[in-house]
Each structure stands twice: as structure tokens, then as C-alpha cells.
Amino acid sequence: MSAHESETLTAATEWLSRRDQGFTEEESKNYASWLAADPSHLSAIEFLEPAWQASNRPRHTPGSVNLRHYVGHAMARRRGHRRRLLAATLATAAAFTIGLFLFHPTQQASPVATVSLRPDSRVLPDGSIVQLNVGAEIEVAFTSATRTVHLLRGEALFEVAKDTAHPFVVDAGPLSVRAVGTAFSVRRDTGEIDVLVTEGRVAVEFAQLQDQPAAAPLHVDAGSRITVPVAGLASPLAPLSPAPVADVESELSWRNRRVEFSGTPLSEAVDYFNRNNCLQLSPGNDEVGALRISGVFWTDDSEAFARALEISLGLTAIPAGTDRIVLRR
């Protein structure tokens, strides 16, 4: 792979990362300018986009486990044309299986070395807090009468500031969720819309169909959820009722199982994986521990992290018994 191709792939992954966190107006303009500057930039985005979307689905999504097969087929189609690109992008795509952005295999200290838990958290104008799972996108549309947030895609958890005079509404297309002061998550994808209430109560309202009476709001209490197929919203609704959730914390585990490293020493990064995993990681020596990495990872998959280190840093993951992996050069 040429230096230009490598730089283009690196830039594309960084743009995808920043896009999913939400562009500022200036970033949106810069992204458009970057795409227009070179046809290879759009090609890189189009090639990486499916892998990016698959790798950033919640872990329980069945389609994510097929990412390696997808990448293999996609690159096989290019094999006859660009064998060198195949080998290089294989490493890139394999690393994407755990949400990798970019590795920095250097011991030189970065200006700022950080570790931050994902997902993206934002404070809304009224003091409400929204946590966005990777890939989620919202638009805030507050008025003098109503606090409305449009969930365009993905999953978000809302902690609503109490304000009885201004109802808080999450608009998810054909379904809306109304609350005054409570906490709940809404997930919107192409197949269904899911509402999970963690505190208080919300009223789930459905868009009125032509020539049909408006459906009465459905109230969902804390510890319960409702899941509605999008296809079902195009016709009169069958009777719906909330269902209890056995383990709310498990359902929302995406809040605390993703971590972002930026110029972080490998020794510090593995500490995050070792906190809650039976399979422990160990740098083989101080030199390996001093390597710095950047990226977003699932911290409940130590083995996948070790494989990505092998691919991207040229390390060797050596099993030491059944519960430990030593990372060596």
C-alpha cells in the first residue's frame, strides 16, 4: 500500500469516528471539502462504511459477528486487481471488528494521553442529559412550549430534567415518547423501535393513520419496555402492552463497556480490560507496555483486543495458562 493510500484510509476512519459523534457546522463543511478534494477519499469512505456500521452495532446484534466474513468477501472481489491493497485493508478491517480507529505504534509521548468512557454524553439546553450509543444521531428542537428531540437513528438514553410546564418529547418517526421528568432509552432502527424505561413513566404515542382513529397513548413504567415493529406502524395496531425487563443494567451495558484511548500507553489500556475479565492481558516487557494506542474498543473482549494488537502492532499474543495472554514483540 502506498503512503497516500495509507493516509487516506487513516483519514477516512477518523472522519467516520467524528461523524458518529456528531459534526459541528464547521466539521461538516471540512468533511465535504475533504470528500471533494480527491475521488479516493469517497472511495475509502464507501469501502469502510459497511464494516464501520457493523462493528459499532450493540454487541447483542447478531449481524456483527458476520463482519469478518463480509470483509473477506468484499476484499476477495478486489483480489484480482489490487493484491497489495487486499493485504493492508485486511488488517484494517479485522481491527474494525472491535471498533478500532487507529493505532500509534510509538513510544513517543503524545501531547495529551487520555482514556474516556463511551458513549457520547451531551447536556441539553434544559439540563437534561442524553447518552448516545455509537452511530446514534439526534436533532434538538426546543420551543417555548415543548422540549423535542428527534432521534434520527440509533439508540439514546435520556435523563430528563423535571419541568412540568414543558413536556419532553422524543420523536422517533412514527412513534413518539413523552415524559416530564424520568429516564428512558429509545432505539430506532430499520426494523423496530424500542422504548425501555429505567425511571418514572412515559407515554408512547403513535402517528395517526389516515381514516383511522388516533391510537390512545400507551404508558410504560420503570423496569418495562415496549418494542414495536416498524412495519406494524403502517397499519392499525394490534393490542400492545409493555413487557418487564429482567435486567435493565444488562440491556444498557453499552454505556460502560466501550472505552476510547487516545495516545494511551498499552500498559494502562490493558488495565481496563483486566478489571472485569477472567482472561487477563500482560505486556511482555516495559518496551511493549510503553507503546501508545488510540481507538475505541469493547472492554469485555480481551481476546479480540489481543488479536488486533497482533495485527496492528506486530505483537505476538502468547497464551500463559487458561486465563492469561502475554503480549510480546
C-alpha atoms as a PDB file:
ATOM      1  CA  MET A   1       0.000   0.000   0.000  1.00  0.00           C
ATOM      2  CA  SER A   2       1.366   3.424  -0.914  1.00  0.00           C
ATOM      3  CA  ALA A   3       1.789   6.184   1.656  1.00  0.00           C
ATOM      4  CA  HIS A   4      -1.099   8.057   0.018  1.00  0.00           C
ATOM      5  CA  GLU A   5      -3.455   5.073   0.314  1.00  0.00           C
ATOM      6  CA  SER A   6      -2.471   4.532   3.941  1.00  0.00           C
ATOM      7  CA  GLU A   7      -3.045   8.195   4.786  1.00  0.00           C
ATOM      8  CA  THR A   8      -6.415   8.134   3.023  1.00  0.00           C
ATOM      9  CA  LEU A   9      -7.629   5.088   4.978  1.00  0.00           C
ATOM     10  CA  THR A  10      -6.443   6.646   8.234  1.00  0.00           C
ATOM     11  CA  ALA A  11      -8.225   9.916   7.471  1.00  0.00           C
ATOM     12  CA  ALA A  12     -11.416   8.059   6.469  1.00  0.00           C
ATOM     13  CA  THR A  13     -11.570   6.186   9.786  1.00  0.00           C
ATOM     14  CA  GLU A  14     -11.083   9.427  11.682  1.00  0.00           C
ATOM     15  CA  TRP A  15     -13.867  11.138   9.724  1.00  0.00           C
ATOM     16  CA  LEU A  16     -16.227   8.200  10.385  1.00  0.00           C
ATOM     17  CA  SER A  17     -15.459   8.424  14.077  1.00  0.00           C
ATOM     18  CA  ARG A  18     -16.081  12.149  14.266  1.00  0.00           C
ATOM     19  CA  ARG A  19     -19.241  11.879  12.146  1.00  0.00           C
ATOM     20  CA  ASP A  20     -20.803   9.344  14.531  1.00  0.00           C
ATOM     21  CA  GLN A  21     -20.073  11.628  17.464  1.00  0.00           C
ATOM     22  CA  GLY A  22     -21.907  14.428  15.655  1.00  0.00           C
ATOM     23  CA  PHE A  23     -20.366  17.014  13.348  1.00  0.00           C
ATOM     24  CA  THR A  24     -20.217  20.647  14.282  1.00  0.00           C
ATOM     25  CA  GLU A  25     -21.181  23.002  11.460  1.00  0.00           C
ATOM     26  CA  GLU A  26     -17.502  23.670  10.737  1.00  0.00           C
ATOM     27  CA  GLU A  27     -16.612  19.951  10.768  1.00  0.00           C
ATOM     28  CA  SER A  28     -19.447  19.239   8.353  1.00  0.00           C
ATOM     29  CA  LYS A  29     -18.036  21.788   5.901  1.00  0.00           C
ATOM     30  CA  ASN A  30     -14.500  20.439   6.323  1.00  0.00           C
ATOM     31  CA  TYR A  31     -15.722  16.880   5.715  1.00  0.00           C
ATOM     32  CA  ALA A  32     -17.469  17.937   2.495  1.00  0.00           C
ATOM     33  CA  SER A  33     -14.296  19.711   1.358  1.00  0.00           C
ATOM     34  CA  TRP A  34     -12.180  16.633   2.140  1.00  0.00           C
ATOM     35  CA  LEU A  35     -14.514  14.398   0.108  1.00  0.00           C
ATOM     36  CA  ALA A  36     -14.417  16.776  -2.838  1.00  0.00           C
ATOM     37  CA  ALA A  37     -10.640  17.132  -2.795  1.00  0.00           C
ATOM     38  CA  ASP A  38      -9.849  13.647  -4.128  1.00  0.00           C
ATOM     39  CA  PRO A  39     -12.046  10.842  -5.577  1.00  0.00           C
ATOM     40  CA  SER A  40     -10.095   8.314  -3.475  1.00  0.00           C
ATOM     41  CA  HIS A  41     -11.490   9.913  -0.319  1.00  0.00           C
ATOM     42  CA  LEU A  42     -15.080   8.967  -1.161  1.00  0.00           C
ATOM     43  CA  SER A  43     -13.913   5.505  -2.262  1.00  0.00           C
ATOM     44  CA  ALA A  44     -12.280   4.948   1.131  1.00  0.00           C
ATOM     45  CA  ILE A  45     -15.442   6.010   2.974  1.00  0.00           C
ATOM     46  CA  GLU A  46     -17.618   3.733   0.825  1.00  0.00           C
ATOM     47  CA  PHE A  47     -15.275   0.788   1.385  1.00  0.00           C
ATOM     48  CA  LEU A  48     -15.036   1.236   5.168  1.00  0.00           C
ATOM     49  CA  GLU A  49     -18.659   2.269   5.829  1.00  0.00           C
ATOM     50  CA  PRO A  50     -20.241  -1.238   5.949  1.00  0.00           C
ATOM     51  CA  ALA A  51     -17.501  -2.535   8.245  1.00  0.00           C
ATOM     52  CA  TRP A  52     -17.820   0.556  10.416  1.00  0.00           C
ATOM     53  CA  GLN A  53     -21.579   0.217  10.794  1.00  0.00           C
ATOM     54  CA  ALA A  54     -21.335  -3.491  11.607  1.00  0.00           C
ATOM     55  CA  SER A  55     -18.555  -3.076  14.148  1.00  0.00           C
ATOM     56  CA  ASN A  56     -20.414  -0.347  16.022  1.00  0.00           C
ATOM     57  CA  ARG A  57     -23.722  -2.146  16.433  1.00  0.00           C
ATOM     58  CA  PRO A  58     -24.541  -3.133  20.020  1.00  0.00           C
ATOM     59  CA  ARG A  59     -22.838  -6.388  20.894  1.00  0.00           C
ATOM     60  CA  HIS A  60     -26.098  -8.343  21.042  1.00  0.00           C
ATOM     61  CA  THR A  61     -26.835  -7.593  17.387  1.00  0.00           C
ATOM     62  CA  PRO A  62     -26.392 -10.918  15.532  1.00  0.00           C
ATOM     63  CA  GLY A  63     -25.179  -9.284  12.313  1.00  0.00           C
ATOM     64  CA  SER A  64     -21.991  -8.019  13.937  1.00  0.00           C
ATOM     65  CA  VAL A  65     -20.474 -11.488  14.174  1.00  0.00           C
ATOM     66  CA  ASN A  66     -20.505 -11.766  10.383  1.00  0.00           C
ATOM     67  CA  LEU A  67     -18.265  -8.762   9.827  1.00  0.00           C
ATOM     68  CA  ARG A  68     -15.114 -10.802   9.196  1.00  0.00           C
ATOM     69  CA  HIS A  69     -16.963 -12.828   6.535  1.00  0.00           C
ATOM     70  CA  TYR A  70     -18.274  -9.639   4.927  1.00  0.00           C
ATOM     71  CA  VAL A  71     -14.820  -8.121   4.786  1.00  0.00           C
ATOM     72  CA  GLY A  72     -13.347 -11.302   3.353  1.00  0.00           C
ATOM     73  CA  HIS A  73     -15.893 -11.378   0.519  1.00  0.00           C
ATOM     74  CA  ALA A  74     -15.559  -7.661  -0.165  1.00  0.00           C
ATOM     75  CA  MET A  75     -11.825  -7.789  -0.470  1.00  0.00           C
ATOM     76  CA  ALA A  76     -11.846 -11.024  -2.434  1.00  0.00           C
ATOM     77  CA  ARG A  77     -13.672  -9.149  -5.179  1.00  0.00           C
ATOM     78  CA  ARG A  78     -10.697  -6.801  -5.349  1.00  0.00           C
ATOM     79  CA  ARG A  79      -8.031  -9.515  -5.236  1.00  0.00           C
ATOM     80  CA  GLY A  80      -7.546  -9.733  -8.969  1.00  0.00           C
ATOM     81  CA  HIS A  81      -6.929  -6.004  -9.200  1.00  0.00           C
ATOM     82  CA  ARG A  82      -5.050  -4.915  -6.129  1.00  0.00           C
ATOM     83  CA  ARG A  83      -3.350  -7.657  -4.124  1.00  0.00           C
ATOM     84  CA  ARG A  84      -1.266  -5.275  -2.087  1.00  0.00           C
ATOM     85  CA  LEU A  85      -4.340  -3.272  -1.057  1.00  0.00           C
ATOM     86  CA  LEU A  86      -6.009  -6.534  -0.050  1.00  0.00           C
ATOM     87  CA  ALA A  87      -3.347  -7.414   2.477  1.00  0.00           C
ATOM     88  CA  ALA A  88      -3.268  -3.969   4.009  1.00  0.00           C
ATOM     89  CA  THR A  89      -7.018  -3.478   4.217  1.00  0.00           C
ATOM     90  CA  LEU A  90      -7.436  -6.959   5.695  1.00  0.00           C
ATOM     91  CA  ALA A  91      -5.524  -5.790   8.739  1.00  0.00           C
ATOM     92  CA  THR A  92      -7.581  -2.617   8.867  1.00  0.00           C
ATOM     93  CA  ALA A  93     -10.910  -4.422   8.537  1.00  0.00           C
ATOM     94  CA  ALA A  94     -10.003  -7.155  11.024  1.00  0.00           C
ATOM     95  CA  ALA A  95      -9.217  -4.455  13.544  1.00  0.00           C
ATOM     96  CA  PHE A  96     -12.613  -2.879  12.865  1.00  0.00           C
ATOM     97  CA  THR A  97     -14.286  -5.951  14.396  1.00  0.00           C
ATOM     98  CA  ILE A  98     -13.729  -4.382  17.806  1.00  0.00           C
ATOM     99  CA  GLY A  99     -14.210  -0.771  16.775  1.00  0.00           C
ATOM    100  CA  LEU A 100     -10.632   0.207  16.038  1.00  0.00           C
ATOM    101  CA  PHE A 101      -9.936   3.722  14.804  1.00  0.00           C
ATOM    102  CA  LEU A 102      -6.146   3.982  14.674  1.00  0.00           C
ATOM    103  CA  PHE A 103      -3.072   2.573  16.392  1.00  0.00           C
ATOM    104  CA  HIS A 104       0.029   4.657  17.077  1.00  0.00           C
ATOM    105  CA  PRO A 105       2.895   2.146  17.490  1.00  0.00           C
ATOM    106  CA  THR A 106       5.324   4.600  19.015  1.00  0.00           C
ATOM    107  CA  GLN A 107       6.825   5.195  22.416  1.00  0.00           C
ATOM    108  CA  GLN A 108       6.961   8.941  21.884  1.00  0.00           C
ATOM    109  CA  ALA A 109       4.634  10.614  24.351  1.00  0.00           C
ATOM    110  CA  SER A 110       1.557  12.218  22.880  1.00  0.00           C
ATOM    111  CA  PRO A 111       0.788  15.810  23.975  1.00  0.00           C
ATOM    112  CA  VAL A 112      -2.308  14.501  25.783  1.00  0.00           C
ATOM    113  CA  ALA A 113      -2.851  10.834  26.672  1.00  0.00           C
ATOM    114  CA  THR A 114      -6.463  10.190  27.586  1.00  0.00           C
ATOM    115  CA  VAL A 115      -8.913   7.434  28.388  1.00  0.00           C
ATOM    116  CA  SER A 116     -12.620   8.187  28.194  1.00  0.00           C
ATOM    117  CA  LEU A 117     -15.677   6.007  28.509  1.00  0.00           C
ATOM    118  CA  ARG A 118     -18.127   5.980  25.656  1.00  0.00           C
ATOM    119  CA  PRO A 119     -20.847   6.642  24.575  1.00  0.00           C
ATOM    120  CA  ASP A 120     -21.081  10.310  23.807  1.00  0.00           C
ATOM    121  CA  SER A 121     -22.875  12.288  26.527  1.00  0.00           C
ATOM    122  CA  ARG A 122     -24.470  15.673  25.957  1.00  0.00           C
ATOM    123  CA  VAL A 123     -26.220  18.165  28.176  1.00  0.00           C
ATOM    124  CA  LEU A 124     -29.301  19.642  26.505  1.00  0.00           C
ATOM    125  CA  PRO A 125     -30.350  23.298  26.899  1.00  0.00           C
ATOM    126  CA  ASP A 126     -32.791  22.431  29.726  1.00  0.00           C
ATOM    127  CA  GLY A 127     -30.201  20.459  31.705  1.00  0.00           C
ATOM    128  CA  SER A 128     -31.414  17.048  30.532  1.00  0.00           C
ATOM    129  CA  ILE A 129     -28.668  14.552  29.703  1.00  0.00           C
ATOM    130  CA  VAL A 130     -28.587  12.294  26.648  1.00  0.00           C
ATOM    131  CA  GLN A 131     -26.128   9.449  26.146  1.00  0.00           C
ATOM    132  CA  LEU A 132     -25.709   8.374  22.523  1.00  0.00           C
ATOM    133  CA  ASN A 133     -24.692   4.868  21.585  1.00  0.00           C
ATOM    134  CA  VAL A 134     -22.197   4.764  18.723  1.00  0.00           C
ATOM    135  CA  GLY A 135     -23.943   5.608  15.455  1.00  0.00           C
ATOM    136  CA  ALA A 136     -26.887   7.392  17.086  1.00  0.00           C
ATOM    137  CA  GLU A 137     -27.922  10.779  15.717  1.00  0.00           C
ATOM    138  CA  ILE A 138     -30.299  13.350  17.199  1.00  0.00           C
ATOM    139  CA  GLU A 139     -31.620  16.826  16.425  1.00  0.00           C
ATOM    140  CA  VAL A 140     -32.714  19.118  19.264  1.00  0.00           C
ATOM    141  CA  ALA A 141     -35.803  21.267  18.585  1.00  0.00           C
ATOM    142  CA  PHE A 142     -36.834  23.044  21.778  1.00  0.00           C
ATOM    143  CA  THR A 143     -39.635  25.628  21.620  1.00  0.00           C
ATOM    144  CA  SER A 144     -41.381  27.818  24.161  1.00  0.00           C
ATOM    145  CA  ALA A 145     -43.992  25.086  24.626  1.00  0.00           C
ATOM    146  CA  THR A 146     -42.257  21.720  24.185  1.00  0.00           C
ATOM    147  CA  ARG A 147     -38.799  20.195  24.541  1.00  0.00           C
ATOM    148  CA  THR A 148     -38.496  17.953  21.469  1.00  0.00           C
ATOM    149  CA  VAL A 149     -35.578  15.764  20.440  1.00  0.00           C
ATOM    150  CA  HIS A 150     -35.696  13.968  17.075  1.00  0.00           C
ATOM    151  CA  LEU A 151     -33.987  10.568  17.186  1.00  0.00           C
ATOM    152  CA  LEU A 152     -32.898  10.083  13.576  1.00  0.00           C
ATOM    153  CA  ARG A 153     -31.180   6.733  14.062  1.00  0.00           C
ATOM    154  CA  GLY A 154     -29.565   4.521  16.671  1.00  0.00           C
ATOM    155  CA  GLU A 155     -30.040   4.311  20.431  1.00  0.00           C
ATOM    156  CA  ALA A 156     -30.036   7.034  23.066  1.00  0.00           C
ATOM    157  CA  LEU A 157     -30.624   7.147  26.828  1.00  0.00           C
ATOM    158  CA  PHE A 158     -32.378  10.251  28.181  1.00  0.00           C
ATOM    159  CA  GLU A 159     -32.269  11.573  31.756  1.00  0.00           C
ATOM    160  CA  VAL A 160     -34.936  14.250  31.684  1.00  0.00           C
ATOM    161  CA  ALA A 161     -34.809  17.400  33.816  1.00  0.00           C
ATOM    162  CA  LYS A 162     -38.124  17.964  35.567  1.00  0.00           C
ATOM    163  CA  ASP A 163     -40.209  20.753  34.049  1.00  0.00           C
ATOM    164  CA  THR A 164     -43.962  20.164  34.231  1.00  0.00           C
ATOM    165  CA  ALA A 165     -44.691  23.217  32.093  1.00  0.00           C
ATOM    166  CA  HIS A 166     -42.636  21.941  29.151  1.00  0.00           C
ATOM    167  CA  PRO A 167     -43.148  18.265  28.248  1.00  0.00           C
ATOM    168  CA  PHE A 168     -40.117  16.396  26.975  1.00  0.00           C
ATOM    169  CA  VAL A 169     -40.787  14.502  23.723  1.00  0.00           C
ATOM    170  CA  VAL A 170     -38.515  12.137  21.814  1.00  0.00           C
ATOM    171  CA  ASP A 171     -39.714  11.879  18.223  1.00  0.00           C
ATOM    172  CA  ALA A 172     -38.710   8.599  16.555  1.00  0.00           C
ATOM    173  CA  GLY A 173     -40.643   8.966  13.297  1.00  0.00           C
ATOM    174  CA  PRO A 174     -43.973   7.151  13.542  1.00  0.00           C
ATOM    175  CA  LEU A 175     -43.643   6.883  17.315  1.00  0.00           C
ATOM    176  CA  SER A 176     -43.013   9.485  19.996  1.00  0.00           C
ATOM    177  CA  VAL A 177     -42.215   9.216  23.692  1.00  0.00           C
ATOM    178  CA  ARG A 178     -43.488  11.888  26.091  1.00  0.00           C
ATOM    179  CA  ALA A 179     -42.148  12.416  29.608  1.00  0.00           C
ATOM    180  CA  VAL A 180     -41.954  15.171  32.220  1.00  0.00           C
ATOM    181  CA  GLY A 181     -39.123  14.006  34.466  1.00  0.00           C
ATOM    182  CA  THR A 182     -37.852  10.473  34.053  1.00  0.00           C
ATOM    183  CA  ALA A 183     -35.164   8.301  32.442  1.00  0.00           C
ATOM    184  CA  PHE A 184     -35.622   6.081  29.421  1.00  0.00           C
ATOM    185  CA  SER A 185     -33.885   4.808  26.310  1.00  0.00           C
ATOM    186  CA  VAL A 186     -35.183   4.766  22.744  1.00  0.00           C
ATOM    187  CA  ARG A 187     -33.669   2.645  19.983  1.00  0.00           C
ATOM    188  CA  ARG A 188     -34.663   3.253  16.364  1.00  0.00           C
ATOM    189  CA  ASP A 189     -33.507   1.038  13.519  1.00  0.00           C
ATOM    190  CA  THR A 190     -34.929  -0.084  10.198  1.00  0.00           C
ATOM    191  CA  GLY A 191     -36.891  -2.976  11.703  1.00  0.00           C
ATOM    192  CA  GLU A 192     -38.283  -1.785  15.006  1.00  0.00           C
ATOM    193  CA  ILE A 193     -38.488   0.931  17.626  1.00  0.00           C
ATOM    194  CA  ASP A 194     -37.768   0.002  21.233  1.00  0.00           C
ATOM    195  CA  VAL A 195     -38.531   2.031  24.376  1.00  0.00           C
ATOM    196  CA  LEU A 196     -37.063   0.986  27.740  1.00  0.00           C
ATOM    197  CA  VAL A 197     -37.958   2.953  30.884  1.00  0.00           C
ATOM    198  CA  THR A 198     -35.442   2.994  33.729  1.00  0.00           C
ATOM    199  CA  GLU A 199     -37.121   5.563  35.977  1.00  0.00           C
ATOM    200  CA  GLY A 200     -40.627   7.060  36.240  1.00  0.00           C
ATOM    201  CA  ARG A 201     -43.194   6.660  33.469  1.00  0.00           C
ATOM    202  CA  VAL A 202     -43.522   7.683  29.822  1.00  0.00           C
ATOM    203  CA  ALA A 203     -46.405   7.865  27.369  1.00  0.00           C
ATOM    204  CA  VAL A 204     -45.729   6.241  23.995  1.00  0.00           C
ATOM    205  CA  GLU A 205     -47.795   7.819  21.227  1.00  0.00           C
ATOM    206  CA  PHE A 206     -48.287   6.572  17.679  1.00  0.00           C
ATOM    207  CA  ALA A 207     -48.783   8.563  14.479  1.00  0.00           C
ATOM    208  CA  GLN A 208     -52.402   8.707  13.382  1.00  0.00           C
ATOM    209  CA  LEU A 209     -53.176   6.715  10.240  1.00  0.00           C
ATOM    210  CA  GLN A 210     -55.363   8.124   7.507  1.00  0.00           C
ATOM    211  CA  ASP A 211     -59.049   7.274   8.035  1.00  0.00           C
ATOM    212  CA  GLN A 212     -58.217   5.633  11.368  1.00  0.00           C
ATOM    213  CA  PRO A 213     -58.938   6.929  14.865  1.00  0.00           C
ATOM    214  CA  ALA A 214     -55.911   8.076  16.818  1.00  0.00           C
ATOM    215  CA  ALA A 215     -54.454   5.327  18.980  1.00  0.00           C
ATOM    216  CA  ALA A 216     -54.524   6.029  22.700  1.00  0.00           C
ATOM    217  CA  PRO A 217     -51.113   6.670  24.296  1.00  0.00           C
ATOM    218  CA  LEU A 218     -49.554   3.620  25.901  1.00  0.00           C
ATOM    219  CA  HIS A 219     -47.984   4.168  29.316  1.00  0.00           C
ATOM    220  CA  VAL A 220     -44.752   2.369  30.144  1.00  0.00           C
ATOM    221  CA  ASP A 221     -43.433   2.276  33.716  1.00  0.00           C
ATOM    222  CA  ALA A 222     -39.926   1.880  35.104  1.00  0.00           C
ATOM    223  CA  GLY A 223     -38.447  -1.560  34.545  1.00  0.00           C
ATOM    224  CA  SER A 224     -40.591  -2.200  31.453  1.00  0.00           C
ATOM    225  CA  ARG A 225     -40.226  -1.824  27.706  1.00  0.00           C
ATOM    226  CA  ILE A 226     -42.231  -1.858  24.527  1.00  0.00           C
ATOM    227  CA  THR A 227     -40.904  -2.966  21.144  1.00  0.00           C
ATOM    228  CA  VAL A 228     -42.896  -2.081  18.038  1.00  0.00           C
ATOM    229  CA  PRO A 229     -42.119  -3.403  14.529  1.00  0.00           C
ATOM    230  CA  VAL A 230     -41.847  -0.508  12.101  1.00  0.00           C
ATOM    231  CA  ALA A 231     -43.882  -2.463   9.534  1.00  0.00           C
ATOM    232  CA  GLY A 232     -46.714  -2.747  12.037  1.00  0.00           C
ATOM    233  CA  LEU A 233     -46.968   1.026  12.366  1.00  0.00           C
ATOM    234  CA  ALA A 234     -48.192   1.279   8.768  1.00  0.00           C
ATOM    235  CA  SER A 235     -51.463  -0.464   9.647  1.00  0.00           C
ATOM    236  CA  PRO A 236     -53.894  -0.401  12.571  1.00  0.00           C
ATOM    237  CA  LEU A 237     -52.034  -1.566  15.661  1.00  0.00           C
ATOM    238  CA  ALA A 238     -52.796  -4.851  17.323  1.00  0.00           C
ATOM    239  CA  PRO A 239     -53.210  -4.583  21.104  1.00  0.00           C
ATOM    240  CA  LEU A 240     -49.868  -3.734  22.677  1.00  0.00           C
ATOM    241  CA  SER A 241     -48.680  -3.955  26.257  1.00  0.00           C
ATOM    242  CA  PRO A 242     -45.376  -3.209  27.992  1.00  0.00           C
ATOM    243  CA  ALA A 243     -43.156  -6.142  28.952  1.00  0.00           C
ATOM    244  CA  PRO A 244     -40.990  -6.337  32.095  1.00  0.00           C
ATOM    245  CA  VAL A 245     -37.219  -6.205  31.667  1.00  0.00           C
ATOM    246  CA  ALA A 246     -35.307  -8.810  33.652  1.00  0.00           C
ATOM    247  CA  ASP A 247     -32.044  -6.855  33.859  1.00  0.00           C
ATOM    248  CA  VAL A 248     -32.116  -3.183  32.900  1.00  0.00           C
ATOM    249  CA  GLU A 249     -28.384  -2.748  33.555  1.00  0.00           C
ATOM    250  CA  SER A 250     -27.567  -5.575  31.165  1.00  0.00           C
ATOM    251  CA  GLU A 251     -29.811  -4.065  28.487  1.00  0.00           C
ATOM    252  CA  LEU A 252     -27.951  -0.762  28.759  1.00  0.00           C
ATOM    253  CA  SER A 253     -24.482  -2.248  29.151  1.00  0.00           C
ATOM    254  CA  TRP A 254     -23.336  -0.336  26.070  1.00  0.00           C
ATOM    255  CA  ARG A 255     -22.987   2.665  28.400  1.00  0.00           C
ATOM    256  CA  ASN A 256     -19.953   1.263  30.191  1.00  0.00           C
ATOM    257  CA  ARG A 257     -18.388  -1.427  28.008  1.00  0.00           C
ATOM    258  CA  ARG A 258     -16.826   0.865  25.454  1.00  0.00           C
ATOM    259  CA  VAL A 259     -13.702   2.858  26.108  1.00  0.00           C
ATOM    260  CA  GLU A 260     -11.774   5.326  23.962  1.00  0.00           C
ATOM    261  CA  PHE A 261      -7.996   5.502  24.158  1.00  0.00           C
ATOM    262  CA  SER A 262      -6.091   8.474  22.760  1.00  0.00           C
ATOM    263  CA  GLY A 263      -2.301   8.225  22.880  1.00  0.00           C
ATOM    264  CA  THR A 264      -2.694   5.856  25.841  1.00  0.00           C
ATOM    265  CA  PRO A 265       0.186   3.595  26.959  1.00  0.00           C
ATOM    266  CA  LEU A 266      -0.627  -0.048  26.295  1.00  0.00           C
ATOM    267  CA  SER A 267       0.070  -0.912  29.944  1.00  0.00           C
ATOM    268  CA  GLU A 268      -2.693   1.477  31.011  1.00  0.00           C
ATOM    269  CA  ALA A 269      -5.067   0.246  28.302  1.00  0.00           C
ATOM    270  CA  VAL A 270      -4.787  -3.405  29.340  1.00  0.00           C
ATOM    271  CA  ASP A 271      -5.677  -2.412  32.918  1.00  0.00           C
ATOM    272  CA  TYR A 272      -9.161  -1.534  31.641  1.00  0.00           C
ATOM    273  CA  PHE A 273      -9.545  -4.966  30.103  1.00  0.00           C
ATOM    274  CA  ASN A 274      -8.243  -6.746  33.203  1.00  0.00           C
ATOM    275  CA  ARG A 275     -10.713  -5.142  35.601  1.00  0.00           C
ATOM    276  CA  ASN A 276     -13.740  -7.224  34.680  1.00  0.00           C
ATOM    277  CA  ASN A 277     -12.427 -10.086  32.533  1.00  0.00           C
ATOM    278  CA  CYS A 278     -11.261 -13.528  33.627  1.00  0.00           C
ATOM    279  CA  LEU A 279      -8.827 -13.566  30.702  1.00  0.00           C
ATOM    280  CA  GLN A 280      -6.003 -11.223  31.739  1.00  0.00           C
ATOM    281  CA  LEU A 281      -3.549  -9.401  29.450  1.00  0.00           C
ATOM    282  CA  SER A 282       0.094  -8.653  30.272  1.00  0.00           C
ATOM    283  CA  PRO A 283       2.682  -6.643  28.312  1.00  0.00           C
ATOM    284  CA  GLY A 284       5.772  -8.820  27.959  1.00  0.00           C
ATOM    285  CA  ASN A 285       8.146  -6.038  28.985  1.00  0.00           C
ATOM    286  CA  ASP A 286       8.344  -2.298  29.612  1.00  0.00           C
ATOM    287  CA  GLU A 287       9.001  -1.569  25.940  1.00  0.00           C
ATOM    288  CA  VAL A 288       5.718  -3.205  24.902  1.00  0.00           C
ATOM    289  CA  GLY A 289       3.853  -1.574  27.783  1.00  0.00           C
ATOM    290  CA  ALA A 290       5.060   1.862  26.652  1.00  0.00           C
ATOM    291  CA  LEU A 291       3.565   1.555  23.157  1.00  0.00           C
ATOM    292  CA  ARG A 292       0.781   4.080  22.682  1.00  0.00           C
ATOM    293  CA  ILE A 293      -2.567   3.373  21.069  1.00  0.00           C
ATOM    294  CA  SER A 294      -5.694   5.253  20.079  1.00  0.00           C
ATOM    295  CA  GLY A 295      -9.097   3.737  19.362  1.00  0.00           C
ATOM    296  CA  VAL A 296     -12.498   2.718  20.663  1.00  0.00           C
ATOM    297  CA  PHE A 297     -12.905  -0.814  21.995  1.00  0.00           C
ATOM    298  CA  TRP A 298     -15.305  -3.197  23.686  1.00  0.00           C
ATOM    299  CA  THR A 299     -13.647  -3.821  27.055  1.00  0.00           C
ATOM    300  CA  ASP A 300     -15.394  -7.171  27.574  1.00  0.00           C
ATOM    301  CA  ASP A 301     -13.452  -8.928  24.782  1.00  0.00           C
ATOM    302  CA  SER A 302      -9.795  -9.317  25.797  1.00  0.00           C
ATOM    303  CA  GLU A 303      -9.071 -11.930  23.147  1.00  0.00           C
ATOM    304  CA  ALA A 304     -10.268  -9.718  20.287  1.00  0.00           C
ATOM    305  CA  PHE A 305      -8.186  -6.841  21.640  1.00  0.00           C
ATOM    306  CA  ALA A 306      -5.097  -9.087  21.702  1.00  0.00           C
ATOM    307  CA  ARG A 307      -5.742 -10.155  18.085  1.00  0.00           C
ATOM    308  CA  ALA A 308      -5.968  -6.523  16.989  1.00  0.00           C
ATOM    309  CA  LEU A 309      -2.670  -5.797  18.729  1.00  0.00           C
ATOM    310  CA  GLU A 310      -1.069  -8.643  16.802  1.00  0.00           C
ATOM    311  CA  ILE A 311      -2.357  -7.254  13.503  1.00  0.00           C
ATOM    312  CA  SER A 312      -1.672  -3.577  14.088  1.00  0.00           C
ATOM    313  CA  LEU A 313       1.427  -3.507  16.295  1.00  0.00           C
ATOM    314  CA  GLY A 314       3.107  -6.690  15.136  1.00  0.00           C
ATOM    315  CA  LEU A 315       2.904  -8.163  18.639  1.00  0.00           C
ATOM    316  CA  THR A 316       2.562 -11.859  19.441  1.00  0.00           C
ATOM    317  CA  ALA A 317      -0.183 -12.915  21.858  1.00  0.00           C
ATOM    318  CA  ILE A 318       1.168 -15.897  23.809  1.00  0.00           C
ATOM    319  CA  PRO A 319      -1.253 -17.916  25.986  1.00  0.00           C
ATOM    320  CA  ALA A 320       0.033 -18.416  29.540  1.00  0.00           C
ATOM    321  CA  GLY A 321      -2.279 -20.997  31.033  1.00  0.00           C
ATOM    322  CA  THR A 322      -6.022 -20.701  30.538  1.00  0.00           C
ATOM    323  CA  ASP A 323      -6.558 -17.230  31.948  1.00  0.00           C
ATOM    324  CA  ARG A 324      -3.664 -15.068  30.736  1.00  0.00           C
ATOM    325  CA  ILE A 325      -2.210 -13.729  27.482  1.00  0.00           C
ATOM    326  CA  VAL A 326       1.284 -12.240  27.342  1.00  0.00           C
ATOM    327  CA  LEU A 327       1.926  -9.647  24.630  1.00  0.00           C
ATOM    328  CA  ARG A 328       5.461  -9.782  23.214  1.00  0.00           C
ATOM    329  CA  ARG A 329       7.425  -8.427  20.275  1.00  0.00           C
END
